[in-house]
C-alpha atoms as a PDB file:
ATOM      1  CA  UNK A   1      95.065  21.224  36.769  1.00  0.00           C
ATOM      2  CA  UNK A   2      91.523  22.620  36.404  1.00  0.00           C
ATOM      3  CA  UNK A   3      90.821  19.816  33.887  1.00  0.00           C
ATOM      4  CA  UNK A   4      91.196  17.138  36.566  1.00  0.00           C
ATOM      5  CA  UNK A   5      88.392  14.603  36.664  1.00  0.00           C
ATOM      6  CA  UNK A   6      86.308  13.990  39.798  1.00  0.00           C
ATOM      7  CA  UNK A   7      88.383  11.028  40.984  1.00  0.00           C
ATOM      8  CA  UNK A   8      91.636  13.009  40.769  1.00  0.00           C
ATOM      9  CA  UNK A   9      90.052  15.991  42.503  1.00  0.00           C
ATOM     10  CA  UNK A  10      88.895  13.879  45.449  1.00  0.00           C
ATOM     11  CA  UNK A  11      92.241  12.109  45.763  1.00  0.00           C
ATOM     12  CA  UNK A  12      94.179  15.389  45.793  1.00  0.00           C
ATOM     13  CA  UNK A  13      91.709  16.963  48.198  1.00  0.00           C
ATOM     14  CA  UNK A  14      92.018  13.977  50.559  1.00  0.00           C
ATOM     15  CA  UNK A  15      95.762  14.684  50.644  1.00  0.00           C
ATOM     16  CA  UNK A  16      95.109  18.256  51.790  1.00  0.00           C
ATOM     17  CA  UNK A  17      95.865  19.993  48.483  1.00  0.00           C
ATOM     18  CA  UNK A  18      94.607  23.569  48.973  1.00  0.00           C
ATOM     19  CA  UNK A  19      94.913  24.369  45.265  1.00  0.00           C
ATOM     20  CA  UNK A  20      92.534  21.499  44.478  1.00  0.00           C
ATOM     21  CA  UNK A  21      90.104  22.847  47.071  1.00  0.00           C
ATOM     22  CA  UNK A  22      90.217  26.208  45.255  1.00  0.00           C
ATOM     23  CA  UNK A  23      89.484  24.471  41.934  1.00  0.00           C
ATOM     24  CA  UNK A  24      86.469  22.702  43.441  1.00  0.00           C
ATOM     25  CA  UNK A  25      85.245  25.950  44.956  1.00  0.00           C
ATOM     26  CA  UNK A  26      85.552  27.842  41.669  1.00  0.00           C
ATOM     27  CA  UNK A  27      83.953  25.003  39.707  1.00  0.00           C
ATOM     28  CA  UNK A  28      80.866  24.519  41.907  1.00  0.00           C
ATOM     29  CA  UNK A  29      80.251  27.546  44.123  1.00  0.00           C
ATOM     30  CA  UNK A  30      77.940  29.372  41.714  1.00  0.00           C
ATOM     31  CA  UNK A  31      75.593  26.456  41.031  1.00  0.00           C
ATOM     32  CA  UNK A  32      75.512  25.496  44.722  1.00  0.00           C
ATOM     33  CA  UNK A  33      74.726  29.076  45.715  1.00  0.00           C
ATOM     34  CA  UNK A  34      71.839  29.241  43.230  1.00  0.00           C
ATOM     35  CA  UNK A  35      70.404  25.953  44.527  1.00  0.00           C
ATOM     36  CA  UNK A  36      70.643  27.111  48.136  1.00  0.00           C
ATOM     37  CA  UNK A  37      69.045  30.438  47.208  1.00  0.00           C
ATOM     38  CA  UNK A  38      66.179  28.609  45.461  1.00  0.00           C
ATOM     39  CA  UNK A  39      65.463  26.751  48.686  1.00  0.00           C
ATOM     40  CA  UNK A  40      65.801  29.457  51.323  1.00  0.00           C
ATOM     41  CA  UNK A  41      65.158  32.682  49.370  1.00  0.00           C
ATOM     42  CA  UNK A  42      67.671  34.744  51.381  1.00  0.00           C
ATOM     43  CA  UNK A  43      70.878  35.957  49.715  1.00  0.00           C
ATOM     44  CA  UNK A  44      72.912  36.592  52.884  1.00  0.00           C
ATOM     45  CA  UNK A  45      71.913  33.302  54.489  1.00  0.00           C
ATOM     46  CA  UNK A  46      72.618  31.497  51.199  1.00  0.00           C
ATOM     47  CA  UNK A  47      76.160  32.897  51.136  1.00  0.00           C
ATOM     48  CA  UNK A  48      76.662  31.832  54.757  1.00  0.00           C
ATOM     49  CA  UNK A  49      75.418  28.323  54.050  1.00  0.00           C
ATOM     50  CA  UNK A  50      77.623  28.099  50.964  1.00  0.00           C
ATOM     51  CA  UNK A  51      80.668  28.952  53.081  1.00  0.00           C
ATOM     52  CA  UNK A  52      79.632  26.361  55.689  1.00  0.00           C
ATOM     53  CA  UNK A  53      79.333  23.730  52.965  1.00  0.00           C
ATOM     54  CA  UNK A  54      82.887  24.354  51.794  1.00  0.00           C
ATOM     55  CA  UNK A  55      84.232  24.491  55.350  1.00  0.00           C
ATOM     56  CA  UNK A  56      82.585  21.103  55.930  1.00  0.00           C
ATOM     57  CA  UNK A  57      84.102  19.785  52.695  1.00  0.00           C
ATOM     58  CA  UNK A  58      87.575  20.762  53.895  1.00  0.00           C
ATOM     59  CA  UNK A  59      87.015  19.349  57.383  1.00  0.00           C
ATOM     60  CA  UNK A  60      85.644  16.042  56.047  1.00  0.00           C
ATOM     61  CA  UNK A  61      87.921  15.726  53.022  1.00  0.00           C
ATOM     62  CA  UNK A  62      89.597  12.565  54.317  1.00  0.00           C
ATOM     63  CA  UNK A  63      86.223  10.768  54.521  1.00  0.00           C
ATOM     64  CA  UNK A  64      85.218  11.438  50.895  1.00  0.00           C
ATOM     65  CA  UNK A  65      84.732   8.483  48.582  1.00  0.00           C
ATOM     66  CA  UNK A  66      86.852   8.939  45.447  1.00  0.00           C
ATOM     67  CA  UNK A  67      84.409   6.799  43.453  1.00  0.00           C
ATOM     68  CA  UNK A  68      81.617   9.340  44.010  1.00  0.00           C
ATOM     69  CA  UNK A  69      81.347  12.848  42.627  1.00  0.00           C
ATOM     70  CA  UNK A  70      82.317  15.883  44.651  1.00  0.00           C
ATOM     71  CA  UNK A  71      79.290  17.767  43.337  1.00  0.00           C
ATOM     72  CA  UNK A  72      76.965  15.008  44.545  1.00  0.00           C
ATOM     73  CA  UNK A  73      78.438  15.289  48.025  1.00  0.00           C
ATOM     74  CA  UNK A  74      78.266  19.095  47.952  1.00  0.00           C
ATOM     75  CA  UNK A  75      74.675  18.992  46.719  1.00  0.00           C
ATOM     76  CA  UNK A  76      73.516  16.709  49.532  1.00  0.00           C
ATOM     77  CA  UNK A  77      75.354  18.663  52.242  1.00  0.00           C
ATOM     78  CA  UNK A  78      74.071  22.026  50.958  1.00  0.00           C
ATOM     79  CA  UNK A  79      70.533  20.638  50.779  1.00  0.00           C
ATOM     80  CA  UNK A  80      70.720  19.365  54.378  1.00  0.00           C
ATOM     81  CA  UNK A  81      72.176  22.651  55.633  1.00  0.00           C
ATOM     82  CA  UNK A  82      69.450  24.594  53.800  1.00  0.00           C
ATOM     83  CA  UNK A  83      66.790  22.371  55.308  1.00  0.00           C
ATOM     84  CA  UNK A  84      68.259  22.887  58.782  1.00  0.00           C
ATOM     85  CA  UNK A  85      68.235  26.664  58.212  1.00  0.00           C
ATOM     86  CA  UNK A  86      64.577  26.598  57.112  1.00  0.00           C
ATOM     87  CA  UNK A  87      63.592  24.565  60.178  1.00  0.00           C
ATOM     88  CA  UNK A  88      65.497  26.907  62.473  1.00  0.00           C
ATOM     89  CA  UNK A  89      63.785  29.924  60.935  1.00  0.00           C
ATOM     90  CA  UNK A  90      60.367  28.271  61.238  1.00  0.00           C
ATOM     91  CA  UNK A  91      61.002  27.497  64.923  1.00  0.00           C
ATOM     92  CA  UNK A  92      62.176  31.061  65.506  1.00  0.00           C
ATOM     93  CA  UNK A  93      59.085  32.455  63.767  1.00  0.00           C
ATOM     94  CA  UNK A  94      56.788  30.215  65.812  1.00  0.00           C
ATOM     95  CA  UNK A  95      58.489  31.206  69.042  1.00  0.00           C
ATOM     96  CA  UNK A  96      58.351  34.895  68.228  1.00  0.00           C
ATOM     97  CA  UNK A  97      54.666  34.510  67.412  1.00  0.00           C
ATOM     98  CA  UNK A  98      54.124  32.795  70.745  1.00  0.00           C
ATOM     99  CA  UNK A  99      53.115  29.501  69.148  1.00  0.00           C
ATOM    100  CA  UNK A 100      53.889  26.219  70.827  1.00  0.00           C
ATOM    101  CA  UNK A 101      56.659  24.430  68.980  1.00  0.00           C
ATOM    102  CA  UNK A 102      55.879  20.852  68.103  1.00  0.00           C
ATOM    103  CA  UNK A 103      58.612  19.690  65.788  1.00  0.00           C
ATOM    104  CA  UNK A 104      57.596  16.156  64.890  1.00  0.00           C
ATOM    105  CA  UNK A 105      59.316  16.400  61.526  1.00  0.00           C
ATOM    106  CA  UNK A 106      62.733  17.235  62.976  1.00  0.00           C
ATOM    107  CA  UNK A 107      64.957  14.311  62.088  1.00  0.00           C
ATOM    108  CA  UNK A 108      67.558  12.896  64.438  1.00  0.00           C
ATOM    109  CA  UNK A 109      71.161  13.490  63.300  1.00  0.00           C
ATOM    110  CA  UNK A 110      71.432   9.798  62.380  1.00  0.00           C
ATOM    111  CA  UNK A 111      68.442  10.131  60.055  1.00  0.00           C
ATOM    112  CA  UNK A 112      70.056  13.103  58.304  1.00  0.00           C
ATOM    113  CA  UNK A 113      73.210  11.024  57.802  1.00  0.00           C
ATOM    114  CA  UNK A 114      71.147   8.174  56.342  1.00  0.00           C
ATOM    115  CA  UNK A 115      69.350  10.602  54.031  1.00  0.00           C
ATOM    116  CA  UNK A 116      72.637  12.100  52.839  1.00  0.00           C
ATOM    117  CA  UNK A 117      74.194   8.706  52.299  1.00  0.00           C
ATOM    118  CA  UNK A 118      71.211   7.396  50.355  1.00  0.00           C
ATOM    119  CA  UNK A 119      71.094  10.454  48.090  1.00  0.00           C
ATOM    120  CA  UNK A 120      74.843  10.277  47.424  1.00  0.00           C
ATOM    121  CA  UNK A 121      74.692   6.542  46.725  1.00  0.00           C
ATOM    122  CA  UNK A 122      71.705   6.887  44.418  1.00  0.00           C
ATOM    123  CA  UNK A 123      73.336   9.677  42.393  1.00  0.00           C
ATOM    124  CA  UNK A 124      76.654   7.819  42.184  1.00  0.00           C
ATOM    125  CA  UNK A 125      74.935   4.672  40.821  1.00  0.00           C
ATOM    126  CA  UNK A 126      73.459   6.444  37.807  1.00  0.00           C
ATOM    127  CA  UNK A 127      75.145   5.778  34.487  1.00  0.00           C
ATOM    128  CA  UNK A 128      77.794   8.436  33.742  1.00  0.00           C
ATOM    129  CA  UNK A 129      75.633  10.191  31.131  1.00  0.00           C
ATOM    130  CA  UNK A 130      72.457  10.185  33.258  1.00  0.00           C
ATOM    131  CA  UNK A 131      74.445  11.390  36.303  1.00  0.00           C
ATOM    132  CA  UNK A 132      75.915  14.216  34.213  1.00  0.00           C
ATOM    133  CA  UNK A 133      72.450  15.231  32.959  1.00  0.00           C
ATOM    134  CA  UNK A 134      71.109  15.126  36.531  1.00  0.00           C
ATOM    135  CA  UNK A 135      74.027  17.186  37.858  1.00  0.00           C
ATOM    136  CA  UNK A 136      73.778  19.787  35.102  1.00  0.00           C
ATOM    137  CA  UNK A 137      69.986  20.201  35.293  1.00  0.00           C
ATOM    138  CA  UNK A 138      69.198  19.636  38.971  1.00  0.00           C
ATOM    139  CA  UNK A 139      72.403  20.583  40.738  1.00  0.00           C
ATOM    140  CA  UNK A 140      73.862  23.272  38.512  1.00  0.00           C
ATOM    141  CA  UNK A 141      70.434  24.553  37.452  1.00  0.00           C
ATOM    142  CA  UNK A 142      71.121  24.505  33.708  1.00  0.00           C
ATOM    143  CA  UNK A 143      68.266  24.391  31.224  1.00  0.00           C
ATOM    144  CA  UNK A 144      67.578  21.355  29.048  1.00  0.00           C
ATOM    145  CA  UNK A 145      68.876  23.320  26.079  1.00  0.00           C
ATOM    146  CA  UNK A 146      72.152  24.270  27.818  1.00  0.00           C
ATOM    147  CA  UNK A 147      72.627  20.681  28.971  1.00  0.00           C
ATOM    148  CA  UNK A 148      71.906  19.318  25.495  1.00  0.00           C
ATOM    149  CA  UNK A 149      74.469  21.705  23.969  1.00  0.00           C
ATOM    150  CA  UNK A 150      77.125  20.883  26.570  1.00  0.00           C
ATOM    151  CA  UNK A 151      76.701  17.114  26.212  1.00  0.00           C
ATOM    152  CA  UNK A 152      76.052  17.215  22.463  1.00  0.00           C
ATOM    153  CA  UNK A 153      72.710  15.406  22.769  1.00  0.00           C
ATOM    154  CA  UNK A 154      69.119  16.412  22.003  1.00  0.00           C
ATOM    155  CA  UNK A 155      66.792  18.170  24.470  1.00  0.00           C
ATOM    156  CA  UNK A 156      64.515  15.139  24.190  1.00  0.00           C
ATOM    157  CA  UNK A 157      67.381  12.891  25.331  1.00  0.00           C
ATOM    158  CA  UNK A 158      68.110  15.256  28.233  1.00  0.00           C
ATOM    159  CA  UNK A 159      64.471  15.036  29.311  1.00  0.00           C
ATOM    160  CA  UNK A 160      64.430  11.241  28.933  1.00  0.00           C
ATOM    161  CA  UNK A 161      67.653  10.791  30.937  1.00  0.00           C
ATOM    162  CA  UNK A 162      66.425  13.153  33.640  1.00  0.00           C
ATOM    163  CA  UNK A 163      63.121  11.322  34.067  1.00  0.00           C
ATOM    164  CA  UNK A 164      64.978   8.007  34.331  1.00  0.00           C
ATOM    165  CA  UNK A 165      67.525   9.449  36.799  1.00  0.00           C
ATOM    166  CA  UNK A 166      64.891  10.950  39.097  1.00  0.00           C
ATOM    167  CA  UNK A 167      62.850   7.742  39.063  1.00  0.00           C
ATOM    168  CA  UNK A 168      65.970   5.699  39.804  1.00  0.00           C
ATOM    169  CA  UNK A 169      66.906   7.930  42.764  1.00  0.00           C
ATOM    170  CA  UNK A 170      63.385   7.658  44.200  1.00  0.00           C
ATOM    171  CA  UNK A 171      63.306   3.886  43.779  1.00  0.00           C
ATOM    172  CA  UNK A 172      66.789   3.483  45.218  1.00  0.00           C
ATOM    173  CA  UNK A 173      65.822   5.387  48.346  1.00  0.00           C
ATOM    174  CA  UNK A 174      62.564   3.440  48.751  1.00  0.00           C
ATOM    175  CA  UNK A 175      64.290   0.062  48.307  1.00  0.00           C
ATOM    176  CA  UNK A 176      66.615   0.493  51.263  1.00  0.00           C
ATOM    177  CA  UNK A 177      65.558  -0.336  54.814  1.00  0.00           C
ATOM    178  CA  UNK A 178      67.428   2.749  56.066  1.00  0.00           C
ATOM    179  CA  UNK A 179      64.685   4.762  54.351  1.00  0.00           C
ATOM    180  CA  UNK A 180      62.240   3.721  57.060  1.00  0.00           C
ATOM    181  CA  UNK A 181      64.240   5.574  59.734  1.00  0.00           C
ATOM    182  CA  UNK A 182      65.136   8.621  57.642  1.00  0.00           C
ATOM    183  CA  UNK A 183      62.851  11.608  57.340  1.00  0.00           C
ATOM    184  CA  UNK A 184      62.561  12.854  53.764  1.00  0.00           C
ATOM    185  CA  UNK A 185      60.614  16.102  53.571  1.00  0.00           C
ATOM    186  CA  UNK A 186      57.688  16.111  51.139  1.00  0.00           C
ATOM    187  CA  UNK A 187      59.379  18.666  48.916  1.00  0.00           C
ATOM    188  CA  UNK A 188      62.359  16.388  48.086  1.00  0.00           C
ATOM    189  CA  UNK A 189      60.408  14.941  45.154  1.00  0.00           C
ATOM    190  CA  UNK A 190      59.335  18.408  44.063  1.00  0.00           C
ATOM    191  CA  UNK A 191      62.936  19.633  44.242  1.00  0.00           C
ATOM    192  CA  UNK A 192      64.071  16.715  42.108  1.00  0.00           C
ATOM    193  CA  UNK A 193      61.353  17.291  39.526  1.00  0.00           C
ATOM    194  CA  UNK A 194      61.626  21.086  39.237  1.00  0.00           C
ATOM    195  CA  UNK A 195      62.861  22.127  35.822  1.00  0.00           C
END
């Protein structure tokens, strides 16, 4: 059952299959944890956020789109939760330092939903090979060499696919009117381009 493809995983999860949830957890928890840790630089908080991500996955399982990847959904949710944690810690630090809090960059919940939806849609619209390269390099944190070995392609092809995927995601987000109401932090591009 651990060889189930993404579509089958989502369908079984939507039906409340706990064993499928365990498979998803085992398959993606390590790479998600490492991505969260890269963003917030706190091991305990990263573990807490990871658990929240999977609790949210279980709670929202019936709303998942079987035509989109589970890892794409998990990536976007973990990114948003990490961002929320960073903002909360910044506010707390400002308050403890006695600084006045002016949080102009704090997005409304609707904007966060738009951002999540746009990222998920953009990732899901990549060709299967480019999406796989993006997921392996940017979501699972694998090197170009590891990705090339796993997909049986050259490192040059990995790099080429990744550049195309990142550019496509950026363009997709910019081409949608929802982008105007969604706050995208300046480091989204940097996060996408980090090797």
